Protein backbone atom coordinates (compact mmCIF):
# COMPACT_ATOMS: atom_id res chain seq x y z
CA UNK A 1 4.34 -7.66 -29.27
CA UNK A 2 5.98 -6.30 -26.13
CA UNK A 3 9.43 -4.72 -26.69
CA UNK A 4 11.85 -4.26 -23.81
CA UNK A 5 12.90 -0.72 -23.02
CA UNK A 6 16.18 -0.06 -24.89
CA UNK A 7 17.40 2.20 -22.08
CA UNK A 8 17.29 -0.79 -19.72
CA UNK A 9 19.03 -3.33 -21.93
CA UNK A 10 22.30 -4.76 -20.74
CA UNK A 11 21.49 -4.43 -17.04
CA UNK A 12 22.02 -7.98 -15.87
CA UNK A 13 23.49 -8.01 -12.38
CA UNK A 14 22.68 -6.45 -9.04
CA UNK A 15 25.94 -4.50 -9.07
CA UNK A 16 25.20 -3.11 -12.52
CA UNK A 17 21.73 -2.03 -11.46
CA UNK A 18 23.04 -0.34 -8.32
CA UNK A 19 25.96 1.34 -10.06
CA UNK A 20 25.26 5.01 -10.70
CA UNK A 21 22.02 4.96 -8.76
CA UNK A 22 21.12 5.73 -5.17
CA UNK A 23 23.40 4.69 -2.33
CA UNK A 24 21.78 2.26 0.07
CA UNK A 25 22.89 2.78 3.65
CA UNK A 26 22.47 0.44 6.60
CA UNK A 27 18.94 0.17 7.88
CA UNK A 28 19.56 1.95 11.18
CA UNK A 29 22.30 4.50 10.54
CA UNK A 30 23.65 5.66 13.86
CA UNK A 31 22.12 2.79 15.81
CA UNK A 32 24.12 1.88 18.88
CA UNK A 33 25.84 5.26 19.21
CA UNK A 34 25.53 6.98 22.61
CA UNK A 35 23.29 10.00 23.11
CA UNK A 36 20.84 9.17 20.35
CA UNK A 37 17.26 10.33 20.69
CA UNK A 38 14.38 7.91 20.18
CA UNK A 39 11.31 8.17 18.01
CA UNK A 40 8.09 6.17 18.03
CA UNK A 41 5.83 6.00 14.98
CA UNK A 42 2.36 4.57 14.35
CA UNK A 43 0.95 4.21 10.83
CA UNK A 44 -2.69 4.02 9.77
CA UNK A 45 -4.42 3.56 6.43
CA UNK A 46 -2.98 2.32 3.17
CA UNK A 47 0.31 0.59 2.44
CA UNK A 48 1.66 3.88 1.10
CA UNK A 49 1.49 5.31 4.63
CA UNK A 50 3.50 2.40 6.01
CA UNK A 51 6.03 2.87 3.22
CA UNK A 52 6.21 6.60 3.98
CA UNK A 53 6.93 5.82 7.64
CA UNK A 54 10.01 3.91 6.52
CA UNK A 55 11.16 6.98 4.57
CA UNK A 56 10.60 9.13 7.66
CA UNK A 57 12.62 6.68 9.76
CA UNK A 58 15.54 7.03 7.34
CA UNK A 59 15.43 10.83 7.49
CA UNK A 60 15.28 10.77 11.28
CA UNK A 61 18.20 8.35 11.41
CA UNK A 62 20.34 10.91 9.62
CA UNK A 63 19.78 13.44 12.43
CA UNK A 64 20.48 11.08 15.30
CA UNK A 65 17.17 9.39 16.03
CA UNK A 66 16.61 5.65 16.45
CA UNK A 67 13.29 3.82 16.44
CA UNK A 68 11.69 2.44 19.60
CA UNK A 69 8.61 0.30 20.12
CA UNK A 70 8.05 1.87 23.55
CA UNK A 71 6.15 5.15 23.33
CA UNK A 72 6.90 5.96 26.98
CA UNK A 73 10.63 6.28 26.29
CA UNK A 74 10.37 8.26 23.05
CA UNK A 75 11.53 11.83 22.52
CA UNK A 76 9.48 12.18 19.34
CA UNK A 77 6.07 10.58 18.87
CA UNK A 78 4.75 10.49 15.31
CA UNK A 79 1.46 9.26 13.92
CA UNK A 80 1.14 8.73 10.16
CA UNK A 81 -2.47 9.31 9.25
CA UNK A 82 -5.21 8.54 6.77
CA UNK A 83 -8.17 10.72 5.72
CA UNK A 84 -9.99 8.20 3.54
CA UNK A 85 -12.73 7.54 6.09
CA UNK A 86 -14.10 9.38 9.10
CA UNK A 87 -13.44 6.41 11.39
CA UNK A 88 -9.71 6.59 10.62
CA UNK A 89 -9.64 10.23 11.71
CA UNK A 90 -11.51 9.41 14.92
CA UNK A 91 -8.93 6.73 15.74
CA UNK A 92 -6.08 9.19 15.22
CA UNK A 93 -7.67 11.80 17.50
CA UNK A 94 -7.99 9.22 20.29
CA UNK A 95 -4.34 8.30 19.93
CA UNK A 96 -3.25 11.95 19.98
CA UNK A 97 -5.13 12.48 23.24
CA UNK A 98 -3.43 9.41 24.70
CA UNK A 99 -0.06 10.84 23.73
CA UNK A 100 -0.81 13.95 25.80
CA UNK A 101 -0.36 11.80 28.90
CA UNK A 102 3.04 10.62 27.66
CA UNK A 103 4.13 14.22 27.07
CA UNK A 104 3.20 15.21 30.62
CA UNK A 105 5.29 12.37 32.03
CA UNK A 106 8.23 13.01 29.69
CA UNK A 107 9.08 16.74 29.56
CA UNK A 108 10.50 17.80 26.21
CA UNK A 109 8.83 15.03 24.24
CA UNK A 110 7.19 16.19 21.02
CA UNK A 111 4.17 14.88 19.12
CA UNK A 112 3.87 15.17 15.35
CA UNK A 113 1.23 14.20 12.84
CA UNK A 114 2.18 13.08 9.34
CA UNK A 115 0.37 12.18 6.13
CA UNK A 116 -3.03 12.86 4.65
CA UNK A 117 -4.89 13.90 7.80
CA UNK A 118 -2.04 16.28 8.62
CA UNK A 119 -2.56 18.12 5.36
CA UNK A 120 -6.33 18.28 5.70
CA UNK A 121 -6.67 19.28 9.37
CA UNK A 122 -3.48 21.25 9.96
CA UNK A 123 -5.09 24.38 11.44
CA UNK A 124 -7.50 22.52 13.69
CA UNK A 125 -4.85 20.20 15.12
CA UNK A 126 -2.28 22.94 15.67
CA UNK A 127 -4.26 25.96 16.77
CA UNK A 128 -7.71 24.90 17.96
CA UNK A 129 -7.09 21.56 19.66
CA UNK A 130 -3.33 22.00 20.25
CA UNK A 131 -2.80 18.25 20.13
CA UNK A 132 0.49 18.33 18.22
CA UNK A 133 3.79 20.20 18.02
CA UNK A 134 4.40 19.66 14.31
CA UNK A 135 2.32 18.87 11.25
CA UNK A 136 4.05 17.40 8.20
CA UNK A 137 2.38 16.61 4.87
CA UNK A 138 3.31 13.66 2.63
CA UNK A 139 5.63 15.75 0.42
CA UNK A 140 7.45 17.56 3.26
CA UNK A 141 9.30 14.78 5.06
CA UNK A 142 12.69 16.14 3.99
CA UNK A 143 11.89 19.23 6.07
CA UNK A 144 11.55 17.19 9.27
CA UNK A 145 14.96 18.25 10.67
CA UNK A 146 14.01 21.93 10.43
CA UNK A 147 10.51 21.35 11.77
CA UNK A 148 11.79 19.35 14.73
CA UNK A 149 14.33 22.08 15.48
CA UNK A 150 11.58 24.70 15.54
CA UNK A 151 9.37 22.55 17.76
CA UNK A 152 12.28 22.07 20.19
CA UNK A 153 12.42 25.87 20.50
CA UNK A 154 8.75 25.91 21.50
CA UNK A 155 7.15 26.79 18.18
CA UNK A 156 4.32 24.84 16.58
CA UNK A 157 5.68 23.87 13.17
CA UNK A 158 3.86 23.03 9.94
CA UNK A 159 4.77 22.14 6.37
CA UNK A 160 2.04 20.62 4.21
CA UNK A 161 3.12 21.98 0.84
CA UNK A 162 2.44 19.58 -2.03
CA UNK A 163 5.07 18.94 -4.68
CA UNK A 164 5.01 18.07 -8.36
CA UNK A 165 8.49 16.52 -8.21
CA UNK A 166 9.05 14.83 -4.83
CA UNK A 167 9.40 11.03 -5.02
CA UNK A 168 12.04 10.41 -2.29
CA UNK A 169 13.90 8.34 -4.87
CA UNK A 170 17.30 8.89 -3.24
CA UNK A 171 16.23 7.86 0.28
CA UNK A 172 16.73 4.28 1.39
CA UNK A 173 13.81 3.39 3.68
CA UNK A 174 14.42 1.91 7.12
CA UNK A 175 12.43 -1.31 7.18
CA UNK A 176 10.29 -0.90 10.28
CA UNK A 177 8.72 -4.02 11.80
CA UNK A 178 10.25 -5.99 8.96
CA UNK A 179 10.12 -9.78 8.73
CA UNK A 180 13.24 -9.64 6.55
CA UNK A 181 11.38 -11.43 3.74
CA UNK A 182 8.87 -8.98 2.23
CA UNK A 183 9.16 -5.24 1.62
CA UNK A 184 7.32 -2.34 -0.01
CA UNK A 185 8.84 -0.13 -2.71
CA UNK A 186 7.10 3.14 -3.51
CA UNK A 187 7.26 3.73 -7.28
CA UNK A 188 5.07 6.84 -7.61
CA UNK A 189 3.19 9.38 -5.55
CA UNK A 190 -0.05 11.29 -5.87
CA UNK A 191 -3.10 10.66 -8.01
CA UNK A 192 -4.64 12.33 -11.07
CA UNK A 193 -7.90 10.36 -10.88
CA UNK A 194 -10.46 12.75 -9.44
CA UNK A 195 -12.84 10.11 -8.07
CA UNK A 196 -15.63 12.15 -6.51
CA UNK A 197 -15.53 10.30 -3.17
CA UNK A 198 -11.76 10.42 -2.69
CA UNK A 199 -9.64 12.92 -0.78
CA UNK A 200 -6.26 11.57 -1.96
CA UNK A 201 -5.68 14.01 -4.87
CA UNK A 202 -6.12 16.88 -2.40
CA UNK A 203 -3.87 15.41 0.30
CA UNK A 204 -1.15 13.78 -1.83
CA UNK A 205 -1.15 15.94 -4.95
CA UNK A 206 -0.60 15.12 -8.60
CA UNK A 207 0.96 11.95 -9.97
CA UNK A 208 4.72 11.80 -10.39
CA UNK A 209 6.74 8.69 -11.05
CA UNK A 210 10.05 7.71 -9.53
CA UNK A 211 13.26 7.07 -11.48
CA UNK A 212 13.02 3.49 -12.82
CA UNK A 213 16.69 2.82 -12.11
CA UNK A 214 16.33 3.80 -8.44
CA UNK A 215 13.39 1.39 -8.12
CA UNK A 216 15.39 -1.46 -9.64
CA UNK A 217 18.35 -0.57 -7.42
CA UNK A 218 16.21 -0.69 -4.29
CA UNK A 219 14.72 -4.04 -5.30
CA UNK A 220 18.17 -5.44 -6.06
CA UNK A 221 19.54 -4.21 -2.75
CA UNK A 222 16.65 -5.83 -0.89
CA UNK A 223 17.29 -9.14 -2.64
CA UNK A 224 20.97 -8.91 -1.75
CA UNK A 225 19.99 -8.43 1.91
CA UNK A 226 17.85 -11.57 1.90
CA UNK A 227 14.42 -10.21 1.04
CA UNK A 228 12.52 -12.40 -1.39
CA UNK A 229 9.40 -10.38 -2.19
CA UNK A 230 8.79 -6.75 -3.09
CA UNK A 231 5.46 -4.99 -3.55
CA UNK A 232 5.48 -2.01 -5.90
CA UNK A 233 3.27 0.68 -4.40
CA UNK A 234 1.38 3.68 -5.69
CA UNK A 235 -2.06 5.22 -5.51
CA UNK A 236 -2.38 3.93 -9.08
CA UNK A 237 0.67 1.88 -10.05
CA UNK A 238 -0.55 1.16 -13.57
CA UNK A 239 -0.28 4.82 -14.52
CA UNK A 240 3.44 4.79 -13.73
CA UNK A 241 5.32 6.67 -16.43
CA UNK A 242 8.91 7.89 -16.08
CA UNK A 243 10.84 9.70 -18.78
CA UNK A 244 14.59 9.09 -18.86
CA UNK A 245 16.07 12.62 -18.86
CA UNK A 246 19.15 11.43 -20.77
CA UNK A 247 17.42 9.63 -23.63
CA UNK A 248 13.85 10.90 -23.51
CA UNK A 249 12.62 7.31 -23.52
CA UNK A 250 9.47 6.71 -21.46
CA UNK A 251 9.27 3.70 -19.15
CA UNK A 252 5.70 2.52 -18.50
CA UNK A 253 4.47 0.18 -15.78
CA UNK A 254 4.67 -2.97 -17.89
CA UNK A 255 8.33 -2.24 -18.64
CA UNK A 256 9.07 -1.48 -14.99
CA UNK A 257 7.47 -4.80 -14.00
CA UNK A 258 9.63 -6.60 -16.56
CA UNK A 259 12.75 -4.83 -15.29
CA UNK A 260 12.05 -5.71 -11.66
CA UNK A 261 11.20 -9.34 -12.41
CA UNK A 262 14.49 -9.74 -14.28
CA UNK A 263 16.58 -8.87 -11.19
CA UNK A 264 16.43 -12.49 -10.00
CA UNK A 265 13.97 -15.35 -10.54
CA UNK A 266 13.79 -15.91 -6.77
CA UNK A 267 12.59 -12.35 -6.15
CA UNK A 268 8.80 -12.29 -6.14
CA UNK A 269 7.10 -9.14 -7.41
CA UNK A 270 3.66 -7.86 -6.41
CA UNK A 271 1.99 -4.51 -7.00
CA UNK A 272 -0.90 -2.43 -5.69
CA UNK A 273 -3.18 -0.66 -6.41
CA UNK A 274 -4.47 -0.74 -9.98
CA UNK A 275 -7.08 1.52 -11.53
CA UNK A 276 -9.18 -0.42 -14.05
CA UNK A 277 -8.71 2.22 -16.75
CA UNK A 278 -4.94 1.60 -16.76
CA UNK A 279 -4.88 -2.20 -16.49
CA UNK A 280 -3.57 -2.89 -19.99
CA UNK A 281 -3.10 -6.17 -21.82
CA UNK A 282 0.61 -5.31 -21.99
CA UNK A 283 0.82 -5.51 -18.18
CA UNK A 284 -1.05 -8.82 -18.20
CA UNK A 285 1.26 -10.33 -20.82
CA UNK A 286 4.35 -9.31 -18.80
CA UNK A 287 2.80 -10.98 -15.75
CA UNK A 288 2.14 -14.13 -17.76
CA UNK A 289 5.72 -14.23 -19.01
CA UNK A 290 7.36 -14.14 -15.57
CA UNK A 291 6.77 -16.90 -13.02
CA UNK A 292 8.03 -14.61 -10.23
CA UNK A 293 5.42 -11.89 -10.86
CA UNK A 294 2.58 -12.95 -8.59
CA UNK A 295 -0.69 -13.83 -10.27
CA UNK A 296 -2.78 -11.49 -8.18
CA UNK A 297 -4.42 -8.21 -9.16
CA UNK A 298 -6.22 -5.77 -6.90
CA UNK A 299 -8.70 -4.09 -9.25
CA UNK A 300 -11.16 -1.89 -7.30
CA UNK A 301 -14.62 -1.71 -8.85
CA UNK A 302 -16.25 0.41 -6.07
CA UNK A 303 -19.75 -0.18 -7.50
CA UNK A 304 -21.35 -2.61 -9.93
CA UNK A 305 -23.75 -0.01 -11.33
CA UNK A 306 -22.83 2.24 -14.26
CA UNK A 307 -24.82 5.26 -13.04
CA UNK A 308 -23.14 5.18 -9.65
CA UNK A 309 -19.74 4.72 -11.31
CA UNK A 310 -20.40 7.87 -13.32
CA UNK A 311 -21.31 9.79 -10.17
CA UNK A 312 -18.12 8.49 -8.61
CA UNK A 313 -16.20 9.76 -11.66
CA UNK A 314 -14.51 6.39 -12.10
CA UNK A 315 -14.18 6.95 -15.90
CA UNK A 316 -15.51 3.46 -16.79
CA UNK A 317 -18.85 1.72 -16.77
CA UNK A 318 -19.80 -1.81 -15.74
CA UNK A 319 -19.32 -3.27 -19.22
CA UNK A 320 -15.84 -1.76 -19.53
CA UNK A 321 -14.81 -3.16 -16.13
CA UNK A 322 -16.16 -6.58 -17.07
CA UNK A 323 -14.03 -6.48 -20.21
CA UNK A 324 -10.91 -5.99 -18.06
CA UNK A 325 -11.88 -8.96 -15.89
CA UNK A 326 -12.35 -11.08 -19.02
CA UNK A 327 -8.90 -10.03 -20.23
CA UNK A 328 -7.36 -11.11 -16.92
CA UNK A 329 -9.13 -14.48 -17.07
CA UNK A 330 -8.03 -14.96 -20.68
CA UNK A 331 -4.35 -14.02 -20.27
CA UNK A 332 -3.89 -15.11 -16.62
CA UNK A 333 -6.40 -17.92 -16.08
CA UNK A 334 -5.03 -18.79 -12.63
CA UNK A 335 -4.92 -15.22 -11.33
CA UNK A 336 -6.83 -14.11 -8.26
CA UNK A 337 -8.59 -10.74 -8.40
CA UNK A 338 -9.59 -8.68 -5.38
CA UNK A 339 -11.53 -5.45 -5.17
CA UNK A 340 -12.73 -2.42 -3.19
CA UNK A 341 -16.46 -1.94 -2.62
CA UNK A 342 -18.35 1.14 -1.40
CA UNK A 343 -22.00 0.77 -0.38
CA UNK A 344 -24.52 3.54 0.07
CA UNK A 345 -22.96 6.13 -2.22
CA UNK A 346 -25.08 9.24 -2.86
CA UNK A 347 -28.52 8.42 -4.38
CA UNK A 348 -27.77 4.68 -4.65
CA UNK A 349 -31.01 2.74 -5.02
CA UNK A 350 -31.73 -0.78 -3.86
CA UNK A 351 -31.59 -2.01 -7.46
CA UNK A 352 -28.17 -0.40 -7.93
CA UNK A 353 -26.96 -2.04 -4.73
CA UNK A 354 -28.07 -5.36 -6.21
CA UNK A 355 -25.88 -4.60 -9.24
CA UNK A 356 -22.89 -4.43 -6.89
CA UNK A 357 -23.79 -7.79 -5.37
CA UNK A 358 -24.10 -9.33 -8.82
CA UNK A 359 -20.72 -7.90 -9.81
CA UNK A 360 -19.06 -9.48 -6.77
CA UNK A 361 -20.58 -12.82 -7.70
CA UNK A 362 -19.72 -12.53 -11.40
CA UNK A 363 -16.14 -11.34 -10.89
CA UNK A 364 -15.51 -14.09 -8.31
CA UNK A 365 -13.23 -11.91 -6.19
CA UNK A 366 -10.86 -13.81 -3.93
CA UNK A 367 -11.38 -11.07 -1.32
CA UNK A 368 -12.49 -7.45 -1.06
CA UNK A 369 -12.02 -4.37 1.08
CA UNK A 370 -15.59 -3.31 1.87
CA UNK A 371 -16.88 -0.05 3.37
CA UNK A 372 -19.98 2.09 3.48
CA UNK A 373 -19.70 5.58 2.01
CA UNK A 374 -18.13 8.16 4.31
CA UNK A 375 -18.38 11.72 3.03
CA UNK A 376 -15.02 13.48 3.14
CA UNK A 377 -14.95 17.29 3.29
CA UNK A 378 -13.47 18.94 0.22
CA UNK A 379 -14.14 16.10 -2.19
CA UNK A 380 -16.15 16.52 -5.38
CA UNK A 381 -18.97 14.38 -3.98
CA UNK A 382 -19.19 16.49 -0.82
CA UNK A 383 -19.55 19.61 -2.98
CA UNK A 384 -21.92 18.22 -5.61
CA UNK A 385 -24.10 15.51 -4.04
CA UNK A 386 -26.18 15.10 -0.91
CA UNK A 387 -25.08 12.26 1.36
CA UNK A 388 -28.67 11.05 1.34
CA UNK A 389 -28.51 7.34 2.18
CA UNK A 390 -29.31 6.77 5.89
CA UNK A 391 -26.50 5.14 7.84
CA UNK A 392 -28.60 2.14 8.82
CA UNK A 393 -29.22 1.40 5.12
CA UNK A 394 -25.52 1.87 4.31
CA UNK A 395 -24.60 -0.60 7.05
CA UNK A 396 -27.27 -3.11 6.04
CA UNK A 397 -26.04 -3.04 2.45
CA UNK A 398 -22.44 -3.35 3.63
CA UNK A 399 -23.34 -6.41 5.72
CA UNK A 400 -24.94 -8.00 2.65
CA UNK A 401 -21.75 -7.34 0.68
CA UNK A 402 -19.60 -8.80 3.46
CA UNK A 403 -21.73 -11.95 3.75
CA UNK A 404 -21.60 -12.52 0.00
CA UNK A 405 -17.87 -11.91 -0.27
CA UNK A 406 -17.13 -14.17 2.70
CA UNK A 407 -19.07 -16.99 1.03
CA UNK A 408 -17.30 -16.45 -2.29
CA UNK A 409 -13.88 -16.30 -0.60
CA UNK A 410 -14.60 -19.62 1.12
CA UNK A 411 -15.74 -21.16 -2.15
CA UNK A 412 -12.68 -19.72 -3.88
CA UNK A 413 -10.40 -21.33 -1.29
CA UNK A 414 -12.25 -24.66 -1.28
CA UNK A 415 -11.41 -24.97 -4.97
CA UNK A 416 -7.73 -24.96 -3.95
CA UNK A 417 -8.02 -28.06 -1.77
CA UNK A 418 -5.82 -30.77 -3.27
CA UNK A 419 -3.72 -28.27 -5.24
CA UNK A 420 -0.02 -27.68 -4.62
CA UNK A 421 1.41 -24.15 -4.42
CA UNK A 422 4.86 -22.64 -4.21
CA UNK A 423 4.75 -20.68 -0.95
CA UNK A 424 7.25 -18.09 0.24
CA UNK A 425 7.80 -18.68 3.97
CA UNK A 426 7.33 -15.37 5.81
CA UNK A 427 7.65 -16.59 9.40
CA UNK A 428 5.79 -18.32 12.20
CA UNK A 429 2.02 -18.61 12.12
CA UNK A 430 0.23 -16.23 14.48
CA UNK A 431 -1.51 -19.11 16.24
CA UNK A 432 1.30 -21.63 16.61
CA UNK A 433 5.11 -21.54 16.62
CA UNK A 434 4.96 -25.10 15.27
CA UNK A 435 3.59 -23.78 11.96
CA UNK A 436 4.98 -21.57 9.22
CA UNK A 437 2.89 -19.08 7.27
CA UNK A 438 3.42 -17.57 3.84
CA UNK A 439 1.62 -16.56 0.68
CA UNK A 440 1.16 -18.24 -2.63
CA UNK A 441 1.23 -16.47 -5.97
CA UNK A 442 -2.47 -15.55 -5.61
CA UNK A 443 -1.73 -13.64 -2.39
CA UNK A 444 -3.54 -16.25 -0.28
CA UNK A 445 -2.17 -16.90 3.18
CA UNK A 446 -1.08 -20.52 3.67
CA UNK A 447 -0.38 -22.12 7.07
CA UNK A 448 1.51 -25.41 7.30
CA UNK A 449 3.57 -27.44 9.82
CA UNK A 450 7.27 -26.63 9.95
CA UNK A 451 9.82 -28.93 8.40
CA UNK A 452 13.39 -29.19 9.64
CA UNK A 453 15.87 -27.34 7.45
CA UNK A 454 13.43 -24.76 6.11
CA UNK A 455 13.44 -21.16 7.29
CA UNK A 456 11.75 -17.81 6.46
CA UNK A 457 12.78 -16.45 3.08
CA UNK A 458 12.81 -19.88 1.47
CA UNK A 459 10.19 -21.43 -0.78
CA UNK A 460 8.20 -24.56 0.02
CA UNK A 461 5.84 -26.65 -2.08
CA UNK A 462 2.65 -26.98 -0.03
CA UNK A 463 -0.34 -29.20 -0.79
CA UNK A 464 -3.64 -27.78 0.45
CA UNK A 465 -5.74 -30.09 2.63
CA UNK A 466 -8.25 -27.69 4.23
CA UNK A 467 -9.32 -24.04 4.27
CA UNK A 468 -11.19 -21.26 5.98
CA UNK A 469 -12.61 -18.24 4.16
CA UNK A 470 -9.31 -16.41 4.79
CA UNK A 471 -6.55 -19.04 5.07
CA UNK A 472 -5.39 -22.14 3.25
CA UNK A 473 -4.11 -25.05 5.40
CA UNK A 474 -1.63 -27.49 3.98
CA UNK A 475 1.45 -29.69 4.29
CA UNK A 476 4.90 -29.53 2.74
CA UNK A 477 5.45 -32.16 0.07
């Protein structure tokens, strides 16, 4: 039986949650004041990077910067980077070279690189290619004022030190490009899972979890401002574990989910990403108990073959992963499950590739993020295994995975035709201002004609009449 955390009992209202926790300032502190400098920021990669950019925006706001969407008028150009795949790094390099033109036309403008690629390629970017003025790692954003000051004096500045404590818990993010309905909340940083293919533990450091009360306070503040959905973010949210320094009581992820869901029944809660080894039945039972915790789980499998999983150092085999899927289906029968897939990992045979295809079919994923293996320097796989699968085979296997997943996603959505879902309206559809779009509890995008009196941030009951492999089409009932 699940027991609520005694240190969280008695917290019933937004004001009570916010009291004694972080102070939430206006989104654009200093906006509208004369003489302010402007910054422009681009984010690549995972949702954590986009969340980090909002933290950076808050820090810059405190020293007199305001955000702009126009790079040509910016005094500070920042690019928040990802090192997960080689293609992401190539994209960033192209953008940095494009920014050189902006710098020439705007004397005094500075270019900075943030995030995982900054940590990994600091020397090359600063000294060899001289593409940037400052390099700032994921745990050094508080040092931005000092680094910017040094860059203004003509120095090339760098801080990529990793931290065992930094969570930015006291910083209220500026919601960049926000629709005013959905928002990310970072609950932990770093990763202790040494997956052999992954560079994240080396670029973001060890796991550390944020104060549970500050998370609840941020969620409550967002609800008060009109937001109706929060996504709890972490490299591995399920391993969240925060010890209350006053009582010594440990808050785990299931308890944090329960706490966040209790803020208000109209506040939807999502989370990402989960590692299969930490997806406990306790989490699933909390999800089942709360209607406002979305019935959607992103549970990356990476490969359907046990030998490859061992080489990847995923700490589970196929049978163990299948057991977790069965638990989800048993406790949350209506839940949608998505995944990450890597094809062409070191020494993968054709038979082992077929195991991945069979896993996709068996697990019935609603969607997947699919890639072929890209060796990243410094990872365990790069040091231990030869990247011995030819690229054409990697791509052919990836295309087979994509074709299969597309067919399953379409089939998955076709089963929703005739069903009615509670949809949170996020805004206008991309294709037509006459339609709204929003997501159901399974994280599926739903597009439907507008109805007078409804607006973004409200819920609508939508009956599905048609579908594509990616989108449900319906009508308000």
